[in-house]
Amino acid sequence: MSRRNGNCVRCDLLDELASQDVAANIAEQLSLEVGNLVDPEIRDQRLVICQSCPFFQNGTCLKCGCYTQFRASLKNKTCPEGRW
């Protein structure tokens, strides 16, 4: 298997495809949440908080298991740690 920057090229491609699938699934689910979305500024503020949290890993909250992009976009959701 060829390597790029010390990483397996195939693994890097699989990771990239998985990230694209997750992003597409989040976008699809959010399109169904009409009327339940926060303003983009609020979402972005929440995501900054998430990214500095010890429970944040690869776009996921380890405390609740949600994709942070999804949870931070919804009006009826809060941070399970009370950070937002």
PDB file of N, CA and C in Angstrom:
ATOM      1  N   MET A   1       0.854  -1.174   0.000  1.00  0.00           N
ATOM      2  CA  MET A   1       0.000   0.000   0.000  1.00  0.00           C
ATOM      3  C   MET A   1       0.900   1.237   0.000  1.00  0.00           C
ATOM      4  N   SER A   2       0.606   2.160  -0.859  1.00  0.00           N
ATOM      5  CA  SER A   2       1.414   3.375  -0.914  1.00  0.00           C
ATOM      6  C   SER A   2       1.098   4.267   0.275  1.00  0.00           C
ATOM      7  N   ARG A   3       2.057   5.122   0.585  1.00  0.00           N
ATOM      8  CA  ARG A   3       1.906   6.002   1.745  1.00  0.00           C
ATOM      9  C   ARG A   3       2.087   7.448   1.308  1.00  0.00           C
ATOM     10  N   ARG A   4       1.370   8.314   1.968  1.00  0.00           N
ATOM     11  CA  ARG A   4       1.465   9.744   1.725  1.00  0.00           C
ATOM     12  C   ARG A   4       1.586  10.404   3.090  1.00  0.00           C
ATOM     13  N   ASN A   5       2.645  11.138   3.288  1.00  0.00           N
ATOM     14  CA  ASN A   5       2.884  11.810   4.574  1.00  0.00           C
ATOM     15  C   ASN A   5       2.852  10.820   5.738  1.00  0.00           C
ATOM     16  N   GLY A   6       3.315   9.600   5.499  1.00  0.00           N
ATOM     17  CA  GLY A   6       3.363   8.596   6.549  1.00  0.00           C
ATOM     18  C   GLY A   6       2.048   7.874   6.765  1.00  0.00           C
ATOM     19  N   ASN A   7       1.010   8.261   6.035  1.00  0.00           N
ATOM     20  CA  ASN A   7      -0.303   7.637   6.181  1.00  0.00           C
ATOM     21  C   ASN A   7      -0.615   6.767   4.972  1.00  0.00           C
ATOM     22  N   CYS A   8      -1.388   5.763   5.172  1.00  0.00           N
ATOM     23  CA  CYS A   8      -1.871   4.914   4.094  1.00  0.00           C
ATOM     24  C   CYS A   8      -2.813   5.740   3.221  1.00  0.00           C
ATOM     25  N   VAL A   9      -2.560   5.794   1.923  1.00  0.00           N
ATOM     26  CA  VAL A   9      -3.380   6.599   1.017  1.00  0.00           C
ATOM     27  C   VAL A   9      -4.816   6.084   1.015  1.00  0.00           C
ATOM     28  N   ARG A  10      -4.986   4.793   1.005  1.00  0.00           N
ATOM     29  CA  ARG A  10      -6.333   4.213   1.012  1.00  0.00           C
ATOM     30  C   ARG A  10      -7.075   4.618   2.293  1.00  0.00           C
ATOM     31  N   CYS A  11      -6.408   4.540   3.418  1.00  0.00           N
ATOM     32  CA  CYS A  11      -7.040   4.934   4.687  1.00  0.00           C
ATOM     33  C   CYS A  11      -7.428   6.404   4.662  1.00  0.00           C
ATOM     34  N   ASP A  12      -6.545   7.244   4.135  1.00  0.00           N
ATOM     35  CA  ASP A  12      -6.859   8.672   4.033  1.00  0.00           C
ATOM     36  C   ASP A  12      -8.089   8.887   3.156  1.00  0.00           C
ATOM     37  N   LEU A  13      -8.185   8.173   2.040  1.00  0.00           N
ATOM     38  CA  LEU A  13      -9.328   8.311   1.144  1.00  0.00           C
ATOM     39  C   LEU A  13     -10.614   7.823   1.802  1.00  0.00           C
ATOM     40  N   LEU A  14     -10.536   6.706   2.520  1.00  0.00           N
ATOM     41  CA  LEU A  14     -11.711   6.195   3.227  1.00  0.00           C
ATOM     42  C   LEU A  14     -12.176   7.174   4.294  1.00  0.00           C
ATOM     43  N   ASP A  15     -11.238   7.768   5.015  1.00  0.00           N
ATOM     44  CA  ASP A  15     -11.591   8.769   6.026  1.00  0.00           C
ATOM     45  C   ASP A  15     -12.279   9.965   5.379  1.00  0.00           C
ATOM     46  N   GLU A  16     -11.755  10.402   4.237  1.00  0.00           N
ATOM     47  CA  GLU A  16     -12.330  11.548   3.539  1.00  0.00           C
ATOM     48  C   GLU A  16     -13.744  11.231   3.049  1.00  0.00           C
ATOM     49  N   LEU A  17     -13.949  10.043   2.487  1.00  0.00           N
ATOM     50  CA  LEU A  17     -15.280   9.643   2.021  1.00  0.00           C
ATOM     51  C   LEU A  17     -16.258   9.535   3.181  1.00  0.00           C
ATOM     52  N   ALA A  18     -15.808   8.984   4.304  1.00  0.00           N
ATOM     53  CA  ALA A  18     -16.671   8.873   5.478  1.00  0.00           C
ATOM     54  C   ALA A  18     -17.076  10.256   5.970  1.00  0.00           C
ATOM     55  N   SER A  19     -16.146  11.201   5.966  1.00  0.00           N
ATOM     56  CA  SER A  19     -16.450  12.569   6.392  1.00  0.00           C
ATOM     57  C   SER A  19     -17.480  13.208   5.464  1.00  0.00           C
ATOM     58  N   GLN A  20     -17.337  12.952   4.167  1.00  0.00           N
ATOM     59  CA  GLN A  20     -18.295  13.492   3.203  1.00  0.00           C
ATOM     60  C   GLN A  20     -19.680  12.893   3.414  1.00  0.00           C
ATOM     61  N   ASP A  21     -19.740  11.583   3.697  1.00  0.00           N
ATOM     62  CA  ASP A  21     -21.023  10.930   3.961  1.00  0.00           C
ATOM     63  C   ASP A  21     -21.681  11.510   5.204  1.00  0.00           C
ATOM     64  N   VAL A  22     -20.897  11.718   6.253  1.00  0.00           N
ATOM     65  CA  VAL A  22     -21.441  12.282   7.494  1.00  0.00           C
ATOM     66  C   VAL A  22     -21.972  13.684   7.231  1.00  0.00           C
ATOM     67  N   ALA A  23     -21.202  14.500   6.524  1.00  0.00           N
ATOM     68  CA  ALA A  23     -21.640  15.868   6.231  1.00  0.00           C
ATOM     69  C   ALA A  23     -22.928  15.863   5.418  1.00  0.00           C
ATOM     70  N   ALA A  24     -23.031  14.973   4.451  1.00  0.00           N
ATOM     71  CA  ALA A  24     -24.238  14.885   3.626  1.00  0.00           C
ATOM     72  C   ALA A  24     -25.432  14.439   4.475  1.00  0.00           C
ATOM     73  N   ASN A  25     -25.222  13.487   5.353  1.00  0.00           N
ATOM     74  CA  ASN A  25     -26.308  13.014   6.213  1.00  0.00           C
ATOM     75  C   ASN A  25     -26.774  14.091   7.185  1.00  0.00           C
ATOM     76  N   ILE A  26     -25.827  14.853   7.744  1.00  0.00           N
ATOM     77  CA  ILE A  26     -26.192  15.955   8.637  1.00  0.00           C
ATOM     78  C   ILE A  26     -26.998  16.996   7.880  1.00  0.00           C
ATOM     79  N   ALA A  27     -26.535  17.362   6.685  1.00  0.00           N
ATOM     80  CA  ALA A  27     -27.245  18.359   5.877  1.00  0.00           C
ATOM     81  C   ALA A  27     -28.656  17.879   5.545  1.00  0.00           C
ATOM     82  N   GLU A  28     -28.797  16.600   5.208  1.00  0.00           N
ATOM     83  CA  GLU A  28     -30.112  16.048   4.889  1.00  0.00           C
ATOM     84  C   GLU A  28     -31.044  16.103   6.102  1.00  0.00           C
ATOM     85  N   GLN A  29     -30.539  15.711   7.261  1.00  0.00           N
ATOM     86  CA  GLN A  29     -31.363  15.732   8.471  1.00  0.00           C
ATOM     87  C   GLN A  29     -31.741  17.156   8.869  1.00  0.00           C
ATOM     88  N   LEU A  30     -30.800  18.086   8.731  1.00  0.00           N
ATOM     89  CA  LEU A  30     -31.107  19.474   9.076  1.00  0.00           C
ATOM     90  C   LEU A  30     -32.148  20.068   8.137  1.00  0.00           C
ATOM     91  N   SER A  31     -32.188  19.601   6.894  1.00  0.00           N
ATOM     92  CA  SER A  31     -33.195  20.111   5.948  1.00  0.00           C
ATOM     93  C   SER A  31     -34.605  19.725   6.384  1.00  0.00           C
ATOM     94  N   LEU A  32     -34.721  18.707   7.224  1.00  0.00           N
ATOM     95  CA  LEU A  32     -36.023  18.269   7.730  1.00  0.00           C
ATOM     96  C   LEU A  32     -36.434  19.021   9.000  1.00  0.00           C
ATOM     97  N   GLU A  33     -35.548  19.813   9.535  1.00  0.00           N
ATOM     98  CA  GLU A  33     -35.784  20.514  10.811  1.00  0.00           C
ATOM     99  C   GLU A  33     -36.252  21.952  10.603  1.00  0.00           C
ATOM    100  N   VAL A  34     -37.097  22.168   9.631  1.00  0.00           N
ATOM    101  CA  VAL A  34     -37.598  23.514   9.325  1.00  0.00           C
ATOM    102  C   VAL A  34     -38.244  24.110  10.572  1.00  0.00           C
ATOM    103  N   GLY A  35     -37.847  25.322  10.910  1.00  0.00           N
ATOM    104  CA  GLY A  35     -38.398  26.008  12.065  1.00  0.00           C
ATOM    105  C   GLY A  35     -37.718  25.669  13.378  1.00  0.00           C
ATOM    106  N   ASN A  36     -36.811  24.717  13.364  1.00  0.00           N
ATOM    107  CA  ASN A  36     -36.138  24.298  14.596  1.00  0.00           C
ATOM    108  C   ASN A  36     -34.644  24.595  14.554  1.00  0.00           C
ATOM    109  N   LEU A  37     -34.220  25.442  13.636  1.00  0.00           N
ATOM    110  CA  LEU A  37     -32.794  25.747  13.494  1.00  0.00           C
ATOM    111  C   LEU A  37     -32.453  27.093  14.119  1.00  0.00           C
ATOM    112  N   VAL A  38     -31.308  27.138  14.784  1.00  0.00           N
ATOM    113  CA  VAL A  38     -30.808  28.402  15.322  1.00  0.00           C
ATOM    114  C   VAL A  38     -30.163  29.199  14.190  1.00  0.00           C
ATOM    115  N   ASP A  39     -29.950  30.474  14.422  1.00  0.00           N
ATOM    116  CA  ASP A  39     -29.236  31.297  13.444  1.00  0.00           C
ATOM    117  C   ASP A  39     -27.817  30.754  13.273  1.00  0.00           C
ATOM    118  N   PRO A  40     -27.248  30.906  12.090  1.00  0.00           N
ATOM    119  CA  PRO A  40     -25.885  30.413  11.853  1.00  0.00           C
ATOM    120  C   PRO A  40     -24.855  30.967  12.839  1.00  0.00           C
ATOM    121  N   GLU A  41     -25.044  32.210  13.294  1.00  0.00           N
ATOM    122  CA  GLU A  41     -24.098  32.802  14.247  1.00  0.00           C
ATOM    123  C   GLU A  41     -24.121  32.046  15.574  1.00  0.00           C
ATOM    124  N   ILE A  42     -25.311  31.691  16.023  1.00  0.00           N
ATOM    125  CA  ILE A  42     -25.443  30.940  17.273  1.00  0.00           C
ATOM    126  C   ILE A  42     -24.832  29.556  17.110  1.00  0.00           C
ATOM    127  N   ARG A  43     -25.144  28.890  15.979  1.00  0.00           N
ATOM    128  CA  ARG A  43     -24.564  27.577  15.713  1.00  0.00           C
ATOM    129  C   ARG A  43     -23.044  27.640  15.751  1.00  0.00           C
ATOM    130  N   ASP A  44     -22.482  28.640  15.087  1.00  0.00           N
ATOM    131  CA  ASP A  44     -21.022  28.771  15.036  1.00  0.00           C
ATOM    132  C   ASP A  44     -20.432  29.022  16.418  1.00  0.00           C
ATOM    133  N   GLN A  45     -21.100  29.832  17.242  1.00  0.00           N
ATOM    134  CA  GLN A  45     -20.636  30.067  18.614  1.00  0.00           C
ATOM    135  C   GLN A  45     -20.656  28.772  19.413  1.00  0.00           C
ATOM    136  N   ARG A  46     -21.705  27.996  19.245  1.00  0.00           N
ATOM    137  CA  ARG A  46     -21.808  26.714  19.942  1.00  0.00           C
ATOM    138  C   ARG A  46     -20.687  25.766  19.504  1.00  0.00           C
ATOM    139  N   LEU A  47     -20.419  25.728  18.210  1.00  0.00           N
ATOM    140  CA  LEU A  47     -19.389  24.822  17.700  1.00  0.00           C
ATOM    141  C   LEU A  47     -17.993  25.194  18.199  1.00  0.00           C
ATOM    142  N   VAL A  48     -17.732  26.478  18.356  1.00  0.00           N
ATOM    143  CA  VAL A  48     -16.445  26.912  18.916  1.00  0.00           C
ATOM    144  C   VAL A  48     -16.310  26.379  20.340  1.00  0.00           C
ATOM    145  N   ILE A  49     -17.392  26.465  21.097  1.00  0.00           N
ATOM    146  CA  ILE A  49     -17.386  25.933  22.464  1.00  0.00           C
ATOM    147  C   ILE A  49     -17.164  24.422  22.438  1.00  0.00           C
ATOM    148  N   CYS A  50     -17.862  23.737  21.540  1.00  0.00           N
ATOM    149  CA  CYS A  50     -17.710  22.276  21.429  1.00  0.00           C
ATOM    150  C   CYS A  50     -16.259  21.886  21.133  1.00  0.00           C
ATOM    151  N   GLN A  51     -15.635  22.602  20.222  1.00  0.00           N
ATOM    152  CA  GLN A  51     -14.286  22.250  19.794  1.00  0.00           C
ATOM    153  C   GLN A  51     -13.256  22.407  20.909  1.00  0.00           C
ATOM    154  N   SER A  52     -13.580  23.177  21.936  1.00  0.00           N
ATOM    155  CA  SER A  52     -12.655  23.335  23.057  1.00  0.00           C
ATOM    156  C   SER A  52     -13.003  22.409  24.223  1.00  0.00           C
ATOM    157  N   CYS A  53     -14.013  21.594  24.049  1.00  0.00           N
ATOM    158  CA  CYS A  53     -14.486  20.707  25.115  1.00  0.00           C
ATOM    159  C   CYS A  53     -13.698  19.392  25.128  1.00  0.00           C
ATOM    160  N   PRO A  54     -13.392  18.857  26.302  1.00  0.00           N
ATOM    161  CA  PRO A  54     -12.661  17.590  26.371  1.00  0.00           C
ATOM    162  C   PRO A  54     -13.480  16.400  25.857  1.00  0.00           C
ATOM    163  N   PHE A  55     -14.801  16.564  25.708  1.00  0.00           N
ATOM    164  CA  PHE A  55     -15.648  15.483  25.204  1.00  0.00           C
ATOM    165  C   PHE A  55     -15.823  15.534  23.684  1.00  0.00           C
ATOM    166  N   PHE A  56     -15.187  16.499  23.014  1.00  0.00           N
ATOM    167  CA  PHE A  56     -15.279  16.637  21.557  1.00  0.00           C
ATOM    168  C   PHE A  56     -14.197  15.794  20.904  1.00  0.00           C
ATOM    169  N   GLN A  57     -14.605  14.964  19.941  1.00  0.00           N
ATOM    170  CA  GLN A  57     -13.626  14.173  19.197  1.00  0.00           C
ATOM    171  C   GLN A  57     -14.135  13.946  17.777  1.00  0.00           C
ATOM    172  N   ASN A  58     -13.388  14.443  16.812  1.00  0.00           N
ATOM    173  CA  ASN A  58     -13.697  14.229  15.390  1.00  0.00           C
ATOM    174  C   ASN A  58     -15.132  14.591  15.033  1.00  0.00           C
ATOM    175  N   GLY A  59     -15.615  15.717  15.534  1.00  0.00           N
ATOM    176  CA  GLY A  59     -16.950  16.181  15.192  1.00  0.00           C
ATOM    177  C   GLY A  59     -18.076  15.547  15.982  1.00  0.00           C
ATOM    178  N   THR A  60     -17.717  14.746  16.980  1.00  0.00           N
ATOM    179  CA  THR A  60     -18.719  14.042  17.777  1.00  0.00           C
ATOM    180  C   THR A  60     -18.566  14.408  19.248  1.00  0.00           C
ATOM    181  N   CYS A  61     -19.698  14.511  19.937  1.00  0.00           N
ATOM    182  CA  CYS A  61     -19.689  14.708  21.382  1.00  0.00           C
ATOM    183  C   CYS A  61     -19.646  13.334  22.036  1.00  0.00           C
ATOM    184  N   LEU A  62     -18.599  13.070  22.766  1.00  0.00           N
ATOM    185  CA  LEU A  62     -18.459  11.772  23.420  1.00  0.00           C
ATOM    186  C   LEU A  62     -19.403  11.638  24.614  1.00  0.00           C
ATOM    187  N   LYS A  63     -19.929  12.739  25.088  1.00  0.00           N
ATOM    188  CA  LYS A  63     -20.854  12.717  26.222  1.00  0.00           C
ATOM    189  C   LYS A  63     -22.238  12.204  25.800  1.00  0.00           C
ATOM    190  N   CYS A  64     -22.748  12.689  24.668  1.00  0.00           N
ATOM    191  CA  CYS A  64     -24.098  12.296  24.238  1.00  0.00           C
ATOM    192  C   CYS A  64     -24.103  11.457  22.963  1.00  0.00           C
ATOM    193  N   GLY A  65     -22.998  11.471  22.222  1.00  0.00           N
ATOM    194  CA  GLY A  65     -22.910  10.678  20.996  1.00  0.00           C
ATOM    195  C   GLY A  65     -23.388  11.390  19.751  1.00  0.00           C
ATOM    196  N   CYS A  66     -23.840  12.631  19.872  1.00  0.00           N
ATOM    197  CA  CYS A  66     -24.333  13.383  18.714  1.00  0.00           C
ATOM    198  C   CYS A  66     -23.189  13.955  17.890  1.00  0.00           C
ATOM    199  N   TYR A  67     -23.470  14.159  16.604  1.00  0.00           N
ATOM    200  CA  TYR A  67     -22.570  14.967  15.791  1.00  0.00           C
ATOM    201  C   TYR A  67     -22.791  16.403  16.234  1.00  0.00           C
ATOM    202  N   THR A  68     -21.730  17.085  16.606  1.00  0.00           N
ATOM    203  CA  THR A  68     -21.875  18.433  17.158  1.00  0.00           C
ATOM    204  C   THR A  68     -22.478  19.400  16.148  1.00  0.00           C
ATOM    205  N   GLN A  69     -22.166  19.247  14.875  1.00  0.00           N
ATOM    206  CA  GLN A  69     -22.732  20.115  13.836  1.00  0.00           C
ATOM    207  C   GLN A  69     -24.262  20.027  13.850  1.00  0.00           C
ATOM    208  N   PHE A  70     -24.780  18.845  14.056  1.00  0.00           N
ATOM    209  CA  PHE A  70     -26.233  18.647  14.086  1.00  0.00           C
ATOM    210  C   PHE A  70     -26.838  19.210  15.361  1.00  0.00           C
ATOM    211  N   ARG A  71     -26.319  18.798  16.489  1.00  0.00           N
ATOM    212  CA  ARG A  71     -26.884  19.212  17.781  1.00  0.00           C
ATOM    213  C   ARG A  71     -26.806  20.730  17.960  1.00  0.00           C
ATOM    214  N   ALA A  72     -25.696  21.329  17.580  1.00  0.00           N
ATOM    215  CA  ALA A  72     -25.512  22.771  17.760  1.00  0.00           C
ATOM    216  C   ALA A  72     -26.421  23.587  16.849  1.00  0.00           C
ATOM    217  N   SER A  73     -26.994  22.964  15.836  1.00  0.00           N
ATOM    218  CA  SER A  73     -27.863  23.663  14.895  1.00  0.00           C
ATOM    219  C   SER A  73     -29.320  23.720  15.333  1.00  0.00           C
ATOM    220  N   LEU A  74     -29.676  22.950  16.343  1.00  0.00           N
ATOM    221  CA  LEU A  74     -31.081  22.818  16.724  1.00  0.00           C
ATOM    222  C   LEU A  74     -31.456  23.666  17.935  1.00  0.00           C
ATOM    223  N   LYS A  75     -32.594  24.338  17.835  1.00  0.00           N
ATOM    224  CA  LYS A  75     -33.092  25.191  18.919  1.00  0.00           C
ATOM    225  C   LYS A  75     -33.403  24.394  20.178  1.00  0.00           C
ATOM    226  N   ASN A  76     -33.929  23.204  20.019  1.00  0.00           N
ATOM    227  CA  ASN A  76     -34.409  22.428  21.170  1.00  0.00           C
ATOM    228  C   ASN A  76     -33.334  21.563  21.799  1.00  0.00           C
ATOM    229  N   LYS A  77     -32.086  21.738  21.428  1.00  0.00           N
ATOM    230  CA  LYS A  77     -30.988  20.951  22.004  1.00  0.00           C
ATOM    231  C   LYS A  77     -30.077  21.845  22.840  1.00  0.00           C
ATOM    232  N   THR A  78     -29.482  21.253  23.842  1.00  0.00           N
ATOM    233  CA  THR A  78     -28.487  21.940  24.672  1.00  0.00           C
ATOM    234  C   THR A  78     -27.260  21.061  24.798  1.00  0.00           C
ATOM    235  N   CYS A  79     -26.195  21.633  25.263  1.00  0.00           N
ATOM    236  CA  CYS A  79     -24.979  20.880  25.517  1.00  0.00           C
ATOM    237  C   CYS A  79     -25.203  19.977  26.736  1.00  0.00           C
ATOM    238  N   PRO A  80     -24.847  18.701  26.631  1.00  0.00           N
ATOM    239  CA  PRO A  80     -25.040  17.814  27.787  1.00  0.00           C
ATOM    240  C   PRO A  80     -24.184  18.177  28.991  1.00  0.00           C
ATOM    241  N   GLU A  81     -23.192  19.021  28.779  1.00  0.00           N
ATOM    242  CA  GLU A  81     -22.329  19.500  29.869  1.00  0.00           C
ATOM    243  C   GLU A  81     -22.715  20.903  30.326  1.00  0.00           C
ATOM    244  N   GLY A  82     -23.778  21.459  29.734  1.00  0.00           N
ATOM    245  CA  GLY A  82     -24.256  22.791  30.113  1.00  0.00           C
ATOM    246  C   GLY A  82     -23.364  23.922  29.645  1.00  0.00           C
ATOM    247  N   ARG A  83     -22.564  23.694  28.634  1.00  0.00           N
ATOM    248  CA  ARG A  83     -21.640  24.733  28.140  1.00  0.00           C
ATOM    249  C   ARG A  83     -22.322  25.751  27.224  1.00  0.00           C
ATOM    250  N   TRP A  84     -23.437  25.382  26.624  1.00  0.00           N
ATOM    251  CA  TRP A  84     -24.249  26.305  25.827  1.00  0.00           C
ATOM    252  C   TRP A  84     -25.708  25.908  25.887  1.00  0.00           C
TER     253      TRP A  84
END
